[in-house]
Amino acid sequence: MKPVTIDPRYHDAVIFHLDGFVADTAAIDAAARKTTFDDYLARRPANENEDHSPFADDDYRRHVHNKPRLHGVADFLASRRISLPRGEQADTFEETIYGLGNRMQNLFLDLLDEALPALESTVDLLRELQDAGIATAIYSPSHNCQRVLRAADIENLFAVRVDAVIAGGSRLRASPNPPPSPK
């Protein structure tokens, strides 16, 4: 495979997608979801109509990967024949879609603060682009983009950030061909 050349005579900037291309957020997301769902399912009273088996890799790929958090929570629970009220945005401990989603978000941020490695090959490319005078930007449909960049210590490698915070909560779409889910 030939190396790709980005010639500054023909390119002013390169836009990178955060999740899976710059930092391995999918592994942290999957861990936060598994912990949250497994805890919830273990505490939920037995019901012969519901499936309370632990959250599996296939559940991540089929029901939650690349979806907004609340949609993933609702879709996963529906796959287990569990119905919860949507609840209120501020729910944290309540047994609601928002409550589970907010617990998951808090756990994601805790795990993120422990350690998030940036993908070194991408960091090397970002530095090469900067040395060549080519601007770099980052894109993510997440509200956590800036926090992820800080945790990976790569915030300074991007002149522009476009994420759900910058877009005012607009429903930004994930990449059309997202990286593979963690196994």
C-alpha atoms as a PDB file:
ATOM      1  CA  MET A   1       0.000   0.000   0.000  1.00  0.00           C
ATOM      2  CA  LYS A   2       1.397   3.367  -1.014  1.00  0.00           C
ATOM      3  CA  PRO A   3       1.634   6.116   1.586  1.00  0.00           C
ATOM      4  CA  VAL A   4      -0.951   8.849   1.261  1.00  0.00           C
ATOM      5  CA  THR A   5       0.409  12.296   0.546  1.00  0.00           C
ATOM      6  CA  ILE A   6      -1.512  15.391   1.514  1.00  0.00           C
ATOM      7  CA  ASP A   7       0.066  18.166  -0.481  1.00  0.00           C
ATOM      8  CA  PRO A   8      -0.315  21.656   1.041  1.00  0.00           C
ATOM      9  CA  ARG A   9      -0.494  23.093  -2.493  1.00  0.00           C
ATOM     10  CA  TYR A  10      -3.823  21.332  -2.966  1.00  0.00           C
ATOM     11  CA  HIS A  11      -5.170  20.938   0.566  1.00  0.00           C
ATOM     12  CA  ASP A  12      -5.755  23.637   3.148  1.00  0.00           C
ATOM     13  CA  ALA A  13      -7.188  21.460   5.883  1.00  0.00           C
ATOM     14  CA  VAL A  14      -8.065  17.938   6.978  1.00  0.00           C
ATOM     15  CA  ILE A  15     -11.100  17.055   9.089  1.00  0.00           C
ATOM     16  CA  PHE A  16     -10.851  14.109  11.472  1.00  0.00           C
ATOM     17  CA  HIS A  17     -13.679  12.152  13.062  1.00  0.00           C
ATOM     18  CA  LEU A  18     -12.997  11.722  16.776  1.00  0.00           C
ATOM     19  CA  ASP A  19     -14.559   8.426  17.718  1.00  0.00           C
ATOM     20  CA  GLY A  20     -12.398   5.504  16.686  1.00  0.00           C
ATOM     21  CA  PHE A  21     -10.112   7.520  14.453  1.00  0.00           C
ATOM     22  CA  VAL A  22      -8.389   9.849  16.912  1.00  0.00           C
ATOM     23  CA  ALA A  23      -9.215   8.261  20.285  1.00  0.00           C
ATOM     24  CA  ASP A  24     -10.626   4.877  21.258  1.00  0.00           C
ATOM     25  CA  THR A  25     -13.820   6.136  22.832  1.00  0.00           C
ATOM     26  CA  ALA A  26     -15.819   3.100  21.700  1.00  0.00           C
ATOM     27  CA  ALA A  27     -14.077   0.825  24.211  1.00  0.00           C
ATOM     28  CA  ILE A  28     -14.850   3.224  27.059  1.00  0.00           C
ATOM     29  CA  ASP A  29     -18.428   3.682  25.849  1.00  0.00           C
ATOM     30  CA  ALA A  30     -18.940  -0.081  25.659  1.00  0.00           C
ATOM     31  CA  ALA A  31     -17.554  -0.556  29.189  1.00  0.00           C
ATOM     32  CA  ALA A  32     -19.812   2.175  30.599  1.00  0.00           C
ATOM     33  CA  ARG A  33     -22.859   0.698  28.908  1.00  0.00           C
ATOM     34  CA  LYS A  34     -22.056  -2.862  30.006  1.00  0.00           C
ATOM     35  CA  THR A  35     -21.536  -1.845  33.626  1.00  0.00           C
ATOM     36  CA  THR A  36     -24.693   0.266  33.705  1.00  0.00           C
ATOM     37  CA  PHE A  37     -26.922  -2.294  32.004  1.00  0.00           C
ATOM     38  CA  ASP A  38     -25.556  -5.289  33.921  1.00  0.00           C
ATOM     39  CA  ASP A  39     -26.072  -3.491  37.235  1.00  0.00           C
ATOM     40  CA  TYR A  40     -29.599  -2.475  36.270  1.00  0.00           C
ATOM     41  CA  LEU A  41     -30.554  -5.941  34.999  1.00  0.00           C
ATOM     42  CA  ALA A  42     -29.149  -7.655  38.115  1.00  0.00           C
ATOM     43  CA  ARG A  43     -31.198  -5.401  40.427  1.00  0.00           C
ATOM     44  CA  ARG A  44     -34.433  -5.596  38.413  1.00  0.00           C
ATOM     45  CA  PRO A  45     -36.985  -8.003  39.902  1.00  0.00           C
ATOM     46  CA  ALA A  46     -37.322 -11.240  37.930  1.00  0.00           C
ATOM     47  CA  ASN A  47     -40.075 -11.272  35.327  1.00  0.00           C
ATOM     48  CA  GLU A  48     -40.655 -14.290  33.083  1.00  0.00           C
ATOM     49  CA  ASN A  49     -41.433 -11.990  30.133  1.00  0.00           C
ATOM     50  CA  GLU A  50     -38.116 -10.114  30.367  1.00  0.00           C
ATOM     51  CA  ASP A  51     -34.574 -11.133  29.510  1.00  0.00           C
ATOM     52  CA  HIS A  52     -32.144 -10.145  32.280  1.00  0.00           C
ATOM     53  CA  SER A  53     -29.038 -11.825  30.859  1.00  0.00           C
ATOM     54  CA  PRO A  54     -25.867  -9.697  30.951  1.00  0.00           C
ATOM     55  CA  PHE A  55     -25.150  -7.103  28.281  1.00  0.00           C
ATOM     56  CA  ALA A  56     -23.026  -8.714  25.548  1.00  0.00           C
ATOM     57  CA  ASP A  57     -20.785  -7.508  22.717  1.00  0.00           C
ATOM     58  CA  ASP A  58     -23.542  -8.333  20.247  1.00  0.00           C
ATOM     59  CA  ASP A  59     -25.958  -6.126  22.224  1.00  0.00           C
ATOM     60  CA  TYR A  60     -23.534  -3.236  21.844  1.00  0.00           C
ATOM     61  CA  ARG A  61     -23.283  -3.667  18.064  1.00  0.00           C
ATOM     62  CA  ARG A  62     -26.987  -4.330  17.483  1.00  0.00           C
ATOM     63  CA  HIS A  63     -28.687  -1.921  19.850  1.00  0.00           C
ATOM     64  CA  VAL A  64     -26.491   0.962  21.011  1.00  0.00           C
ATOM     65  CA  HIS A  65     -23.379   1.556  18.882  1.00  0.00           C
ATOM     66  CA  ASN A  66     -23.452   4.809  16.937  1.00  0.00           C
ATOM     67  CA  LYS A  67     -26.773   5.924  18.419  1.00  0.00           C
ATOM     68  CA  PRO A  68     -27.547   8.820  20.732  1.00  0.00           C
ATOM     69  CA  ARG A  69     -27.356   7.560  24.313  1.00  0.00           C
ATOM     70  CA  LEU A  70     -31.094   7.680  25.072  1.00  0.00           C
ATOM     71  CA  HIS A  71     -32.009   5.876  21.848  1.00  0.00           C
ATOM     72  CA  GLY A  72     -29.472   3.171  22.648  1.00  0.00           C
ATOM     73  CA  VAL A  73     -30.873   2.741  26.168  1.00  0.00           C
ATOM     74  CA  ALA A  74     -34.436   2.472  24.869  1.00  0.00           C
ATOM     75  CA  ASP A  75     -33.497   0.115  22.020  1.00  0.00           C
ATOM     76  CA  PHE A  76     -31.493  -2.192  24.279  1.00  0.00           C
ATOM     77  CA  LEU A  77     -34.258  -2.364  26.886  1.00  0.00           C
ATOM     78  CA  ALA A  78     -36.847  -3.019  24.167  1.00  0.00           C
ATOM     79  CA  SER A  79     -34.713  -5.928  22.922  1.00  0.00           C
ATOM     80  CA  ARG A  80     -35.033  -7.383  26.441  1.00  0.00           C
ATOM     81  CA  ARG A  81     -38.788  -6.684  26.533  1.00  0.00           C
ATOM     82  CA  ILE A  82     -38.298  -4.087  29.276  1.00  0.00           C
ATOM     83  CA  SER A  83     -40.257  -0.853  29.198  1.00  0.00           C
ATOM     84  CA  LEU A  84     -39.316   2.196  31.256  1.00  0.00           C
ATOM     85  CA  PRO A  85     -40.748   5.704  31.204  1.00  0.00           C
ATOM     86  CA  ARG A  86     -38.630   8.331  29.457  1.00  0.00           C
ATOM     87  CA  GLY A  87     -38.412  10.343  32.670  1.00  0.00           C
ATOM     88  CA  GLU A  88     -36.898  13.781  33.112  1.00  0.00           C
ATOM     89  CA  GLN A  89     -33.601  15.111  31.793  1.00  0.00           C
ATOM     90  CA  ALA A  90     -32.251  15.548  35.335  1.00  0.00           C
ATOM     91  CA  ASP A  91     -32.992  11.941  36.412  1.00  0.00           C
ATOM     92  CA  THR A  92     -29.977  10.169  37.858  1.00  0.00           C
ATOM     93  CA  PHE A  93     -31.198   7.512  40.258  1.00  0.00           C
ATOM     94  CA  GLU A  94     -34.713   7.062  38.873  1.00  0.00           C
ATOM     95  CA  GLU A  95     -35.573   3.915  36.909  1.00  0.00           C
ATOM     96  CA  THR A  96     -36.156   5.810  33.657  1.00  0.00           C
ATOM     97  CA  ILE A  97     -34.524   6.012  30.245  1.00  0.00           C
ATOM     98  CA  TYR A  98     -32.956   9.321  31.285  1.00  0.00           C
ATOM     99  CA  GLY A  99     -31.891   7.875  34.641  1.00  0.00           C
ATOM    100  CA  LEU A 100     -30.016   4.984  33.038  1.00  0.00           C
ATOM    101  CA  GLY A 101     -28.615   7.245  30.322  1.00  0.00           C
ATOM    102  CA  ASN A 102     -27.311   9.756  32.866  1.00  0.00           C
ATOM    103  CA  ARG A 103     -25.739   7.020  35.010  1.00  0.00           C
ATOM    104  CA  MET A 104     -24.063   5.712  31.879  1.00  0.00           C
ATOM    105  CA  GLN A 105     -22.784   9.190  30.976  1.00  0.00           C
ATOM    106  CA  ASN A 106     -21.349   9.726  34.454  1.00  0.00           C
ATOM    107  CA  LEU A 107     -19.589   6.354  34.341  1.00  0.00           C
ATOM    108  CA  PHE A 108     -18.253   7.125  30.841  1.00  0.00           C
ATOM    109  CA  LEU A 109     -16.746  10.373  32.143  1.00  0.00           C
ATOM    110  CA  ASP A 110     -15.237   8.599  35.162  1.00  0.00           C
ATOM    111  CA  LEU A 111     -13.646   5.966  32.908  1.00  0.00           C
ATOM    112  CA  LEU A 112     -12.475   8.661  30.508  1.00  0.00           C
ATOM    113  CA  ASP A 113     -10.703  10.479  33.325  1.00  0.00           C
ATOM    114  CA  GLU A 114      -8.827   7.289  34.284  1.00  0.00           C
ATOM    115  CA  ALA A 115      -7.045   6.985  30.942  1.00  0.00           C
ATOM    116  CA  LEU A 116      -7.764   7.520  27.294  1.00  0.00           C
ATOM    117  CA  PRO A 117      -5.020   6.816  24.839  1.00  0.00           C
ATOM    118  CA  ALA A 118      -5.010   8.740  21.607  1.00  0.00           C
ATOM    119  CA  LEU A 119      -4.277   6.655  18.536  1.00  0.00           C
ATOM    120  CA  GLU A 120      -0.564   7.324  18.059  1.00  0.00           C
ATOM    121  CA  SER A 121      -0.568   6.907  14.281  1.00  0.00           C
ATOM    122  CA  THR A 122      -3.228   9.619  14.052  1.00  0.00           C
ATOM    123  CA  VAL A 123      -1.334  11.889  16.450  1.00  0.00           C
ATOM    124  CA  ASP A 124       1.789  11.453  14.302  1.00  0.00           C
ATOM    125  CA  LEU A 125      -0.203  12.381  11.191  1.00  0.00           C
ATOM    126  CA  LEU A 126      -1.707  15.421  12.922  1.00  0.00           C
ATOM    127  CA  ARG A 127       1.769  16.672  13.824  1.00  0.00           C
ATOM    128  CA  GLU A 128       3.015  16.088  10.276  1.00  0.00           C
ATOM    129  CA  LEU A 129       0.059  18.052   8.900  1.00  0.00           C
ATOM    130  CA  GLN A 130       0.728  20.931  11.286  1.00  0.00           C
ATOM    131  CA  ASP A 131       4.415  20.926  10.312  1.00  0.00           C
ATOM    132  CA  ALA A 132       3.343  21.115   6.645  1.00  0.00           C
ATOM    133  CA  GLY A 133       1.044  24.079   7.379  1.00  0.00           C
ATOM    134  CA  ILE A 134      -2.176  22.134   6.836  1.00  0.00           C
ATOM    135  CA  ALA A 135      -4.949  23.020   9.281  1.00  0.00           C
ATOM    136  CA  THR A 136      -6.752  20.296  11.206  1.00  0.00           C
ATOM    137  CA  ALA A 137     -10.297  20.104  12.549  1.00  0.00           C
ATOM    138  CA  ILE A 138     -12.153  17.546  14.635  1.00  0.00           C
ATOM    139  CA  TYR A 139     -15.735  16.346  14.234  1.00  0.00           C
ATOM    140  CA  SER A 140     -17.900  14.357  16.618  1.00  0.00           C
ATOM    141  CA  PRO A 141     -21.656  14.091  17.134  1.00  0.00           C
ATOM    142  CA  SER A 142     -20.948  13.740  20.863  1.00  0.00           C
ATOM    143  CA  HIS A 143     -21.301  16.308  23.639  1.00  0.00           C
ATOM    144  CA  ASN A 144     -18.085  14.847  25.106  1.00  0.00           C
ATOM    145  CA  CYS A 145     -15.673  15.794  22.313  1.00  0.00           C
ATOM    146  CA  GLN A 146     -13.741  18.505  24.150  1.00  0.00           C
ATOM    147  CA  ARG A 147     -13.512  16.370  27.282  1.00  0.00           C
ATOM    148  CA  VAL A 148     -12.198  13.436  25.218  1.00  0.00           C
ATOM    149  CA  LEU A 149      -9.585  15.655  23.556  1.00  0.00           C
ATOM    150  CA  ARG A 150      -8.438  16.886  26.965  1.00  0.00           C
ATOM    151  CA  ALA A 151      -8.319  13.378  28.433  1.00  0.00           C
ATOM    152  CA  ALA A 152      -6.193  12.193  25.496  1.00  0.00           C
ATOM    153  CA  ASP A 153      -4.053  15.358  25.753  1.00  0.00           C
ATOM    154  CA  ILE A 154      -4.575  16.260  22.085  1.00  0.00           C
ATOM    155  CA  GLU A 155      -6.843  19.292  22.296  1.00  0.00           C
ATOM    156  CA  ASN A 156      -4.042  21.518  20.982  1.00  0.00           C
ATOM    157  CA  LEU A 157      -3.798  19.548  17.716  1.00  0.00           C
ATOM    158  CA  PHE A 158      -7.065  20.938  16.321  1.00  0.00           C
ATOM    159  CA  ALA A 159      -7.746  24.501  15.255  1.00  0.00           C
ATOM    160  CA  VAL A 160     -11.478  23.848  14.886  1.00  0.00           C
ATOM    161  CA  ARG A 161     -13.888  21.597  16.768  1.00  0.00           C
ATOM    162  CA  VAL A 162     -17.382  20.749  15.513  1.00  0.00           C
ATOM    163  CA  ASP A 163     -19.458  18.736  17.949  1.00  0.00           C
ATOM    164  CA  ALA A 164     -22.904  18.658  19.525  1.00  0.00           C
ATOM    165  CA  VAL A 165     -21.912  21.454  21.942  1.00  0.00           C
ATOM    166  CA  ILE A 166     -20.710  23.792  19.167  1.00  0.00           C
ATOM    167  CA  ALA A 167     -23.699  22.916  16.982  1.00  0.00           C
ATOM    168  CA  GLY A 168     -26.055  23.861  19.803  1.00  0.00           C
ATOM    169  CA  GLY A 169     -27.279  20.344  20.391  1.00  0.00           C
ATOM    170  CA  SER A 170     -28.141  19.771  16.743  1.00  0.00           C
ATOM    171  CA  ARG A 171     -28.534  16.163  15.802  1.00  0.00           C
ATOM    172  CA  LEU A 172     -25.155  15.683  14.205  1.00  0.00           C
ATOM    173  CA  ARG A 173     -24.724  12.383  12.471  1.00  0.00           C
ATOM    174  CA  ALA A 174     -22.008   9.869  13.123  1.00  0.00           C
ATOM    175  CA  SER A 175     -19.709   8.857  10.325  1.00  0.00           C
ATOM    176  CA  PRO A 176     -21.410   6.929   7.511  1.00  0.00           C
ATOM    177  CA  ASN A 177     -18.893   4.088   7.899  1.00  0.00           C
ATOM    178  CA  PRO A 178     -18.038   4.034  11.587  1.00  0.00           C
ATOM    179  CA  PRO A 179     -15.048   2.064  12.776  1.00  0.00           C
ATOM    180  CA  PRO A 180     -15.756  -1.499  13.889  1.00  0.00           C
ATOM    181  CA  SER A 181     -17.267  -1.961  17.310  1.00  0.00           C
ATOM    182  CA  PRO A 182     -15.026  -3.312  20.041  1.00  0.00           C
ATOM    183  CA  LYS A 183     -14.933  -7.099  20.312  1.00  0.00           C
END
